[in-house]
Amino acid sequence: MAVKDKLLIWQQNVNKSPTCQHDLLSGNKLMKENIDILALQEPVMNSNNMSIAAKDWTSIYPSTHGSSPGNTRSLILIRSQISTDSWTQLNFPSGDVTVIQITGAWGKLTLFNIYNDSKHNNTIRLLTKYHRDNQTSVRYNLSGSTHTVWVGDFNRHHPYWDDPGDERLFIDEATLAAQVLIEAVAETGLELALPQGTPTHCHSITKHWSRLDQVFISEHSISMVTACDALPHHRGINTDHLPILMELDLAVNILEDEPIPNFREVDWDDFWKALSMHLEPIEQRTAITNQRQLDERCAKLTEAIQATIRDQVPITEITPKSKRWWTKELTQLHRKANKLGRQSYQRRRDLGHRIHAKHKEAAKRYDRTLLYHKNQHWRDWLERAEEPDIWTAN
């Protein structure tokens, strides 16, 4: 068991796009960024009501997903290295909210991943009621402090977080809808963590930027936020929302990777020679006549084999993981699309600039190539698969 001194949370609305979610999970950028928690809004759901995931992450669906999977619009993925003793899921009566509680020597953090529908305030009212009814589990702790974080797509405009000069956003109806959110945040004792005026959403038609995605944190916890910002350089594809990365000054327990021997790289001639050398001191030609002698001989044989393995079998190098179908070409296209996305974001006020068209074309090419490699890998595997593999796939 080791301790990681910062907790990193990445949030993004992926617009139900398989390519966007694969772009996040199938490459290794989240592992490189050392992300601990991934909070997705509008995740992809397949015909089995399951979302795209990866072995390095534990998927946490809303507590209503089992009974109403069609209403799920929130998903949390927590890094599998984080000890399961450090977190638990809390029940919430909506598929638009997923709640987990993380504990440490410092106390506990309750994280709400939220998708708020643009047409009503039902989710906001449920959040307010939840905090009123569950003050003991959320706000109190026998030792240490308690912290609350709301992240997600709130679909609301207000000068409090949007650009105050963008008056087209602040029609009476929009301001009234946002007021419900503001009152809920104030009652819960939360503060805005993402700096005011930071745009996170590009309208798919007008291409105007605004702020729909938010990060709220307990007023007394704001000093724990060591970083919180949108990431235009990781804009992603097939989504109109930027990811947001928050870093909290909270330590979490993580499981260290155990060394894995790589028997595929063994020089077996050298292995047998080394094993013979380890066996020479214990070689005995006398017969075994009782259980004690048998146990002693077995223990010495086992130690000789283990010593040889330690000496002759290389250790598998643990690297940031990616899907087997991920290629160098995809990495290059991914970087190009992100670079152009960052430049497009910087020119967001100049809607006629050619960089926007270049970014759109690069994103389309990356999208097509990703889907091609994924499908081609599956076809190649099926062609090579033998009977046991087919049963496993089925």
Protein backbone atom coordinates (compact mmCIF):
# COMPACT_ATOMS: atom_id res chain seq x y z
CA MET A 1 0.00 0.00 0.00
CA ALA A 2 1.29 3.45 -0.95
CA VAL A 3 -0.03 6.98 -0.48
CA LYS A 4 -0.67 9.46 -3.30
CA ASP A 5 -0.59 13.01 -1.98
CA LYS A 6 -2.98 14.60 -4.52
CA LEU A 7 -6.45 13.62 -5.73
CA LEU A 8 -7.08 14.42 -9.42
CA ILE A 9 -10.62 14.51 -10.86
CA TRP A 10 -11.28 14.77 -14.60
CA GLN A 11 -14.83 15.60 -15.70
CA GLN A 12 -16.40 15.85 -19.16
CA ASN A 13 -19.67 15.49 -21.03
CA VAL A 14 -18.92 12.99 -23.83
CA ASN A 15 -22.22 13.56 -25.69
CA LYS A 16 -22.96 9.81 -25.83
CA SER A 17 -20.16 9.50 -28.38
CA PRO A 18 -18.37 6.10 -28.50
CA THR A 19 -15.39 7.70 -30.24
CA CYS A 20 -15.07 10.41 -27.60
CA GLN A 21 -15.23 7.89 -24.75
CA HIS A 22 -12.76 5.58 -26.50
CA ASP A 23 -10.47 8.56 -27.03
CA LEU A 24 -10.46 9.07 -23.25
CA LEU A 25 -10.17 5.47 -22.10
CA SER A 26 -8.50 3.48 -24.87
CA GLY A 27 -5.36 5.59 -25.07
CA ASN A 28 -3.19 6.16 -22.03
CA LYS A 29 -3.49 9.91 -21.51
CA LEU A 30 -5.50 9.58 -18.28
CA MET A 31 -2.84 7.30 -16.81
CA LYS A 32 -0.10 9.70 -17.94
CA GLU A 33 -1.95 12.60 -16.31
CA ASN A 34 -2.22 10.44 -13.15
CA ILE A 35 -6.00 10.88 -13.01
CA ASP A 36 -7.73 9.19 -10.06
CA ILE A 37 -11.42 9.79 -10.83
CA LEU A 38 -13.21 10.26 -14.14
CA ALA A 39 -16.67 11.87 -13.95
CA LEU A 40 -18.60 11.54 -17.21
CA GLN A 41 -21.92 13.05 -18.17
CA GLU A 42 -24.05 11.54 -20.97
CA PRO A 43 -21.84 8.42 -21.22
CA VAL A 44 -22.23 5.83 -23.97
CA MET A 45 -24.54 2.88 -23.24
CA ASN A 46 -24.59 -0.24 -25.39
CA SER A 47 -27.42 -2.70 -26.00
CA ASN A 48 -26.58 -4.45 -22.71
CA ASN A 49 -26.90 -1.15 -20.81
CA MET A 50 -23.17 -1.09 -20.13
CA SER A 51 -20.77 1.73 -20.88
CA ILE A 52 -17.31 1.71 -22.45
CA ALA A 53 -14.70 1.01 -19.80
CA ALA A 54 -11.16 -0.28 -19.36
CA LYS A 55 -9.50 -2.74 -17.00
CA ASP A 56 -7.61 0.04 -15.24
CA TRP A 57 -10.88 1.63 -14.08
CA THR A 58 -13.80 0.60 -11.90
CA SER A 59 -17.15 1.75 -13.33
CA ILE A 60 -19.68 3.17 -10.88
CA TYR A 61 -23.18 3.58 -12.29
CA PRO A 62 -25.97 5.54 -10.62
CA SER A 63 -27.73 3.51 -7.94
CA THR A 64 -30.88 3.50 -10.12
CA HIS A 65 -29.09 2.00 -13.13
CA GLY A 66 -30.18 -1.55 -12.37
CA SER A 67 -33.89 -0.69 -12.38
CA SER A 68 -33.88 2.19 -14.92
CA PRO A 69 -30.78 1.91 -17.15
CA GLY A 70 -32.37 4.05 -19.85
CA ASN A 71 -32.29 7.06 -17.52
CA THR A 72 -28.55 6.90 -16.80
CA ARG A 73 -26.74 10.11 -17.77
CA SER A 74 -23.96 10.04 -15.20
CA LEU A 75 -21.03 7.69 -14.69
CA ILE A 76 -17.99 7.69 -12.42
CA LEU A 77 -14.85 5.68 -13.14
CA ILE A 78 -12.35 5.35 -10.32
CA ARG A 79 -8.80 4.22 -10.89
CA SER A 80 -8.49 0.55 -9.96
CA GLN A 81 -5.25 1.22 -8.05
CA ILE A 82 -7.17 3.21 -5.45
CA SER A 83 -7.89 0.92 -2.54
CA THR A 84 -11.53 -0.17 -2.40
CA ASP A 85 -11.33 0.37 1.37
CA SER A 86 -10.94 4.10 0.62
CA TRP A 87 -14.28 4.69 -1.10
CA THR A 88 -17.92 3.64 -1.19
CA GLN A 89 -20.97 4.48 -3.31
CA LEU A 90 -23.95 6.32 -1.83
CA ASN A 91 -27.49 5.82 -3.10
CA PHE A 92 -29.17 8.69 -4.96
CA PRO A 93 -32.69 8.49 -6.47
CA SER A 94 -31.78 9.59 -10.02
CA GLY A 95 -29.88 8.30 -13.01
CA ASP A 96 -28.52 11.82 -13.52
CA VAL A 97 -26.40 11.73 -10.35
CA THR A 98 -23.69 9.32 -9.19
CA VAL A 99 -22.31 9.74 -5.66
CA ILE A 100 -19.20 8.31 -4.06
CA GLN A 101 -17.58 9.00 -0.70
CA ILE A 102 -13.80 8.89 -0.33
CA THR A 103 -12.16 8.59 3.09
CA GLY A 104 -8.66 9.16 4.40
CA ALA A 105 -6.78 10.22 7.50
CA TRP A 106 -7.89 13.77 6.66
CA GLY A 107 -11.63 12.91 6.86
CA LYS A 108 -14.09 12.26 4.03
CA LEU A 109 -15.03 13.74 0.65
CA THR A 110 -18.46 13.27 -0.91
CA LEU A 111 -18.34 13.64 -4.71
CA PHE A 112 -21.50 14.21 -6.77
CA ASN A 113 -21.26 13.73 -10.55
CA ILE A 114 -24.28 15.56 -11.98
CA TYR A 115 -26.10 15.93 -15.27
CA ASN A 116 -28.79 18.60 -14.98
CA ASP A 117 -31.41 18.61 -17.73
CA SER A 118 -31.75 21.90 -19.58
CA LYS A 119 -35.56 21.68 -19.53
CA HIS A 120 -36.28 21.36 -15.81
CA ASN A 121 -34.80 21.64 -12.30
CA ASN A 122 -35.81 18.22 -10.97
CA THR A 123 -32.22 17.13 -10.38
CA ILE A 124 -31.34 20.34 -8.52
CA ARG A 125 -34.34 19.91 -6.24
CA LEU A 126 -33.35 16.28 -5.57
CA LEU A 127 -29.84 17.42 -4.64
CA THR A 128 -31.21 19.99 -2.21
CA LYS A 129 -33.49 17.41 -0.61
CA TYR A 130 -30.65 14.87 -0.41
CA HIS A 131 -28.43 17.25 1.51
CA ARG A 132 -31.24 18.12 3.90
CA ASP A 133 -32.04 14.46 4.56
CA ASN A 134 -28.46 13.15 4.74
CA GLN A 135 -26.56 15.75 6.73
CA THR A 136 -25.09 13.14 9.05
CA SER A 137 -23.48 11.07 6.29
CA VAL A 138 -22.32 14.06 4.23
CA ARG A 139 -21.43 16.80 6.73
CA TYR A 140 -20.33 14.99 9.88
CA ASN A 141 -17.37 12.75 10.65
CA LEU A 142 -16.03 11.28 13.88
CA SER A 143 -12.46 12.24 12.99
CA GLY A 144 -11.11 14.67 10.42
CA SER A 145 -13.02 17.13 8.27
CA THR A 146 -15.77 16.68 5.67
CA HIS A 147 -15.80 18.03 2.14
CA THR A 148 -18.45 18.13 -0.59
CA VAL A 149 -17.86 18.52 -4.34
CA TRP A 150 -20.41 18.90 -7.14
CA VAL A 151 -19.07 18.42 -10.68
CA GLY A 152 -20.94 18.08 -13.93
CA ASP A 153 -22.94 19.62 -16.74
CA PHE A 154 -25.53 21.93 -15.18
CA ASN A 155 -26.95 23.43 -18.41
CA ARG A 156 -27.44 26.87 -16.87
CA HIS A 157 -26.24 30.38 -17.79
CA HIS A 158 -25.64 33.21 -15.33
CA PRO A 159 -23.22 36.18 -15.04
CA TYR A 160 -21.92 34.57 -11.84
CA TRP A 161 -19.95 32.04 -13.95
CA ASP A 162 -20.41 33.05 -17.62
CA ASP A 163 -18.79 36.04 -19.31
CA PRO A 164 -20.86 38.97 -17.90
CA GLY A 165 -20.49 40.81 -21.20
CA ASP A 166 -22.21 38.06 -23.19
CA GLU A 167 -25.72 39.43 -22.66
CA ARG A 168 -27.31 37.10 -25.26
CA LEU A 169 -27.10 34.31 -22.65
CA PHE A 170 -29.01 36.11 -19.91
CA ILE A 171 -32.62 36.14 -21.03
CA ASP A 172 -35.18 36.21 -18.21
CA GLU A 173 -36.04 32.52 -18.54
CA ALA A 174 -32.38 31.44 -18.37
CA THR A 175 -31.67 33.66 -15.37
CA LEU A 176 -34.68 32.31 -13.47
CA ALA A 177 -33.63 28.72 -14.16
CA ALA A 178 -30.08 29.47 -12.97
CA GLN A 179 -31.41 31.07 -9.80
CA VAL A 180 -32.68 27.66 -8.62
CA LEU A 181 -29.15 26.30 -8.95
CA ILE A 182 -27.62 29.30 -7.19
CA GLU A 183 -30.02 28.96 -4.27
CA ALA A 184 -29.25 25.23 -3.98
CA VAL A 185 -25.51 25.88 -4.02
CA ALA A 186 -25.88 28.59 -1.35
CA GLU A 187 -28.04 26.40 0.90
CA THR A 188 -25.57 23.52 0.63
CA GLY A 189 -22.67 25.81 1.50
CA LEU A 190 -20.75 25.43 -1.75
CA GLU A 191 -18.41 27.80 -3.57
CA LEU A 192 -17.47 28.06 -7.25
CA ALA A 193 -14.08 26.37 -7.79
CA LEU A 194 -13.70 26.85 -11.56
CA PRO A 195 -12.73 30.50 -12.19
CA GLN A 196 -15.55 32.77 -13.31
CA GLY A 197 -15.63 33.43 -17.06
CA THR A 198 -13.90 30.17 -18.06
CA PRO A 199 -15.78 28.84 -21.13
CA THR A 200 -16.38 25.09 -21.31
CA HIS A 201 -18.96 24.59 -24.07
CA CYS A 202 -19.04 25.37 -27.80
CA HIS A 203 -22.54 25.60 -29.30
CA SER A 204 -22.79 23.06 -32.11
CA ILE A 205 -24.57 25.50 -34.46
CA THR A 206 -23.57 29.06 -33.57
CA LYS A 207 -20.03 28.03 -32.46
CA HIS A 208 -20.26 30.54 -29.61
CA TRP A 209 -18.55 29.56 -26.37
CA SER A 210 -20.22 29.66 -22.97
CA ARG A 211 -20.13 27.96 -19.57
CA LEU A 212 -22.38 24.96 -18.85
CA ASP A 213 -20.00 22.79 -16.84
CA GLN A 214 -19.28 23.61 -13.21
CA VAL A 215 -17.22 22.64 -10.18
CA PHE A 216 -18.61 23.53 -6.75
CA ILE A 217 -16.87 22.75 -3.47
CA SER A 218 -17.58 23.31 0.22
CA GLU A 219 -16.77 26.87 1.26
CA HIS A 220 -14.38 25.68 3.96
CA SER A 221 -12.63 23.36 1.48
CA ILE A 222 -11.68 25.91 -1.18
CA SER A 223 -8.11 26.09 0.15
CA MET A 224 -7.65 22.39 -0.78
CA VAL A 225 -8.07 23.19 -4.49
CA THR A 226 -4.54 23.42 -5.85
CA ALA A 227 -5.70 23.56 -9.51
CA CYS A 228 -9.03 23.74 -11.35
CA ASP A 229 -9.29 24.66 -15.02
CA ALA A 230 -10.67 23.68 -18.42
CA LEU A 231 -8.30 21.81 -20.75
CA PRO A 232 -8.56 23.10 -24.35
CA HIS A 233 -5.44 21.10 -25.26
CA HIS A 234 -7.42 17.92 -24.44
CA ARG A 235 -10.57 19.06 -26.23
CA GLY A 236 -11.44 15.61 -27.52
CA ILE A 237 -13.63 14.74 -30.50
CA ASN A 238 -17.36 14.42 -31.10
CA THR A 239 -18.14 16.46 -28.02
CA ASP A 240 -18.82 20.16 -27.58
CA HIS A 241 -17.62 20.20 -23.95
CA LEU A 242 -14.08 20.77 -22.73
CA PRO A 243 -12.75 18.51 -19.97
CA ILE A 244 -12.12 20.09 -16.58
CA LEU A 245 -9.31 18.95 -14.30
CA MET A 246 -9.39 19.59 -10.56
CA GLU A 247 -6.52 18.81 -8.22
CA LEU A 248 -7.21 18.51 -4.49
CA ASP A 249 -4.67 18.50 -1.70
CA LEU A 250 -5.97 15.19 -0.32
CA ALA A 251 -3.97 11.99 0.09
CA VAL A 252 -5.43 8.67 -1.09
CA ASN A 253 -4.28 5.08 -0.54
CA ILE A 254 -3.27 3.26 -3.71
CA LEU A 255 -2.28 -0.33 -4.34
CA GLU A 256 1.21 -0.77 -5.72
CA ASP A 257 1.60 -2.94 -8.80
CA GLU A 258 3.17 -6.27 -7.90
CA PRO A 259 6.11 -7.28 -10.12
CA ILE A 260 5.03 -9.69 -12.85
CA PRO A 261 7.60 -12.17 -14.22
CA ASN A 262 7.79 -12.18 -18.01
CA PHE A 263 8.31 -15.85 -18.90
CA ARG A 264 8.04 -15.09 -22.63
CA GLU A 265 11.44 -13.38 -22.53
CA VAL A 266 13.27 -16.18 -20.70
CA ASP A 267 16.42 -17.75 -22.16
CA TRP A 268 15.55 -21.32 -21.21
CA ASP A 269 19.07 -22.71 -21.73
CA ASP A 270 20.39 -20.25 -19.16
CA PHE A 271 17.39 -20.97 -16.92
CA TRP A 272 18.10 -24.73 -16.78
CA LYS A 273 21.81 -24.14 -16.14
CA ALA A 274 20.99 -21.79 -13.26
CA LEU A 275 18.44 -24.21 -11.84
CA SER A 276 21.01 -27.02 -11.89
CA MET A 277 23.41 -24.85 -9.91
CA HIS A 278 20.74 -24.09 -7.30
CA LEU A 279 19.88 -27.80 -7.02
CA GLU A 280 23.46 -29.05 -6.55
CA PRO A 281 23.75 -28.16 -2.81
CA ILE A 282 20.50 -29.93 -1.98
CA GLU A 283 20.84 -33.00 -4.19
CA GLN A 284 20.47 -36.13 -2.10
CA ARG A 285 20.26 -39.71 -3.33
CA THR A 286 18.94 -41.21 -0.10
CA ALA A 287 15.37 -42.43 -0.07
CA ILE A 288 12.62 -40.43 1.64
CA THR A 289 11.25 -42.47 4.53
CA ASN A 290 8.92 -40.11 6.40
CA GLN A 291 6.73 -37.02 6.07
CA ARG A 292 9.29 -34.68 7.65
CA GLN A 293 11.92 -35.59 5.06
CA LEU A 294 9.39 -35.12 2.25
CA ASP A 295 8.42 -31.66 3.52
CA GLU A 296 12.08 -30.61 3.82
CA ARG A 297 12.93 -31.81 0.30
CA CYS A 298 9.85 -30.05 -1.18
CA ALA A 299 10.72 -26.77 0.60
CA LYS A 300 14.33 -26.87 -0.69
CA LEU A 301 13.16 -27.70 -4.24
CA THR A 302 10.65 -24.84 -4.16
CA GLU A 303 13.28 -22.37 -2.94
CA ALA A 304 15.67 -23.48 -5.70
CA ILE A 305 13.04 -22.92 -8.39
CA GLN A 306 12.02 -19.54 -6.93
CA ALA A 307 15.66 -18.41 -6.70
CA THR A 308 16.18 -19.35 -10.35
CA ILE A 309 13.08 -17.41 -11.37
CA ARG A 310 14.33 -14.34 -9.48
CA ASP A 311 17.70 -14.59 -11.24
CA GLN A 312 16.67 -15.56 -14.78
CA VAL A 313 13.13 -14.27 -15.46
CA PRO A 314 12.84 -10.56 -16.39
CA ILE A 315 10.13 -8.44 -14.81
CA THR A 316 7.35 -7.08 -17.01
CA GLU A 317 7.70 -3.32 -17.33
CA ILE A 318 4.56 -1.59 -16.04
CA THR A 319 3.64 1.23 -18.42
CA PRO A 320 0.56 3.43 -18.92
CA LYS A 321 -1.91 1.07 -20.49
CA SER A 322 -3.74 1.41 -23.80
CA LYS A 323 -6.00 -0.87 -25.80
CA ARG A 324 -4.32 -3.49 -27.95
CA TRP A 325 -5.80 -1.98 -31.10
CA TRP A 326 -4.32 1.45 -30.31
CA THR A 327 -1.63 2.37 -32.85
CA LYS A 328 1.12 4.95 -33.28
CA GLU A 329 -0.95 6.50 -36.07
CA LEU A 330 -3.84 7.06 -33.65
CA THR A 331 -1.49 8.70 -31.16
CA GLN A 332 -0.24 11.09 -33.86
CA LEU A 333 -3.76 11.91 -35.09
CA HIS A 334 -4.87 12.41 -31.49
CA ARG A 335 -2.06 14.89 -30.85
CA LYS A 336 -2.76 16.76 -34.07
CA ALA A 337 -6.49 17.05 -33.36
CA ASN A 338 -5.77 18.27 -29.81
CA LYS A 339 -3.20 20.81 -31.03
CA LEU A 340 -5.62 22.23 -33.60
CA GLY A 341 -8.40 22.14 -31.01
CA ARG A 342 -6.31 24.28 -28.66
CA GLN A 343 -5.59 26.75 -31.48
CA SER A 344 -9.28 26.82 -32.43
CA TYR A 345 -10.16 27.55 -28.81
CA GLN A 346 -7.68 30.43 -28.73
CA ARG A 347 -9.40 31.88 -31.85
CA ARG A 348 -12.90 31.22 -30.50
CA ARG A 349 -13.99 34.86 -30.93
CA ASP A 350 -12.94 34.85 -34.62
CA LEU A 351 -15.55 32.45 -36.02
CA GLY A 352 -14.38 32.92 -39.61
CA HIS A 353 -10.77 31.90 -38.97
CA ARG A 354 -9.60 28.90 -41.03
CA ILE A 355 -8.25 27.13 -37.95
CA HIS A 356 -11.80 26.04 -37.04
CA ALA A 357 -12.23 24.19 -40.35
CA LYS A 358 -8.77 22.61 -39.99
CA HIS A 359 -9.63 21.37 -36.50
CA LYS A 360 -12.96 19.98 -37.69
CA GLU A 361 -11.26 18.05 -40.51
CA ALA A 362 -8.53 16.69 -38.21
CA ALA A 363 -11.15 15.54 -35.69
CA LYS A 364 -13.13 13.78 -38.44
CA ARG A 365 -10.03 11.98 -39.71
CA TYR A 366 -9.10 10.88 -36.20
CA ASP A 367 -12.68 9.67 -35.63
CA ARG A 368 -12.71 7.60 -38.84
CA THR A 369 -9.26 6.12 -38.21
CA LEU A 370 -10.05 5.17 -34.61
CA LEU A 371 -13.22 3.32 -35.60
CA TYR A 372 -11.40 1.59 -38.47
CA HIS A 373 -8.57 0.27 -36.28
CA LYS A 374 -10.97 -0.85 -33.56
CA ASN A 375 -13.17 -2.79 -36.00
CA GLN A 376 -10.20 -4.18 -37.95
CA HIS A 377 -8.58 -5.48 -34.76
CA TRP A 378 -11.82 -7.30 -33.90
CA ARG A 379 -12.07 -8.85 -37.41
CA ASP A 380 -8.41 -9.93 -37.33
CA TRP A 381 -8.90 -11.52 -33.93
CA LEU A 382 -11.96 -13.46 -35.10
CA GLU A 383 -10.08 -14.76 -38.14
CA ARG A 384 -7.24 -16.06 -35.96
CA ALA A 385 -9.38 -17.25 -33.08
CA GLU A 386 -9.71 -20.92 -32.26
CA GLU A 387 -12.62 -22.72 -30.62
CA PRO A 388 -11.79 -21.87 -26.94
CA ASP A 389 -11.35 -18.20 -27.89
CA ILE A 390 -14.73 -18.10 -29.61
CA TRP A 391 -16.39 -19.48 -26.49
CA THR A 392 -14.59 -16.84 -24.39
CA ALA A 393 -15.71 -14.03 -26.71
CA ASN A 394 -19.27 -15.29 -26.67
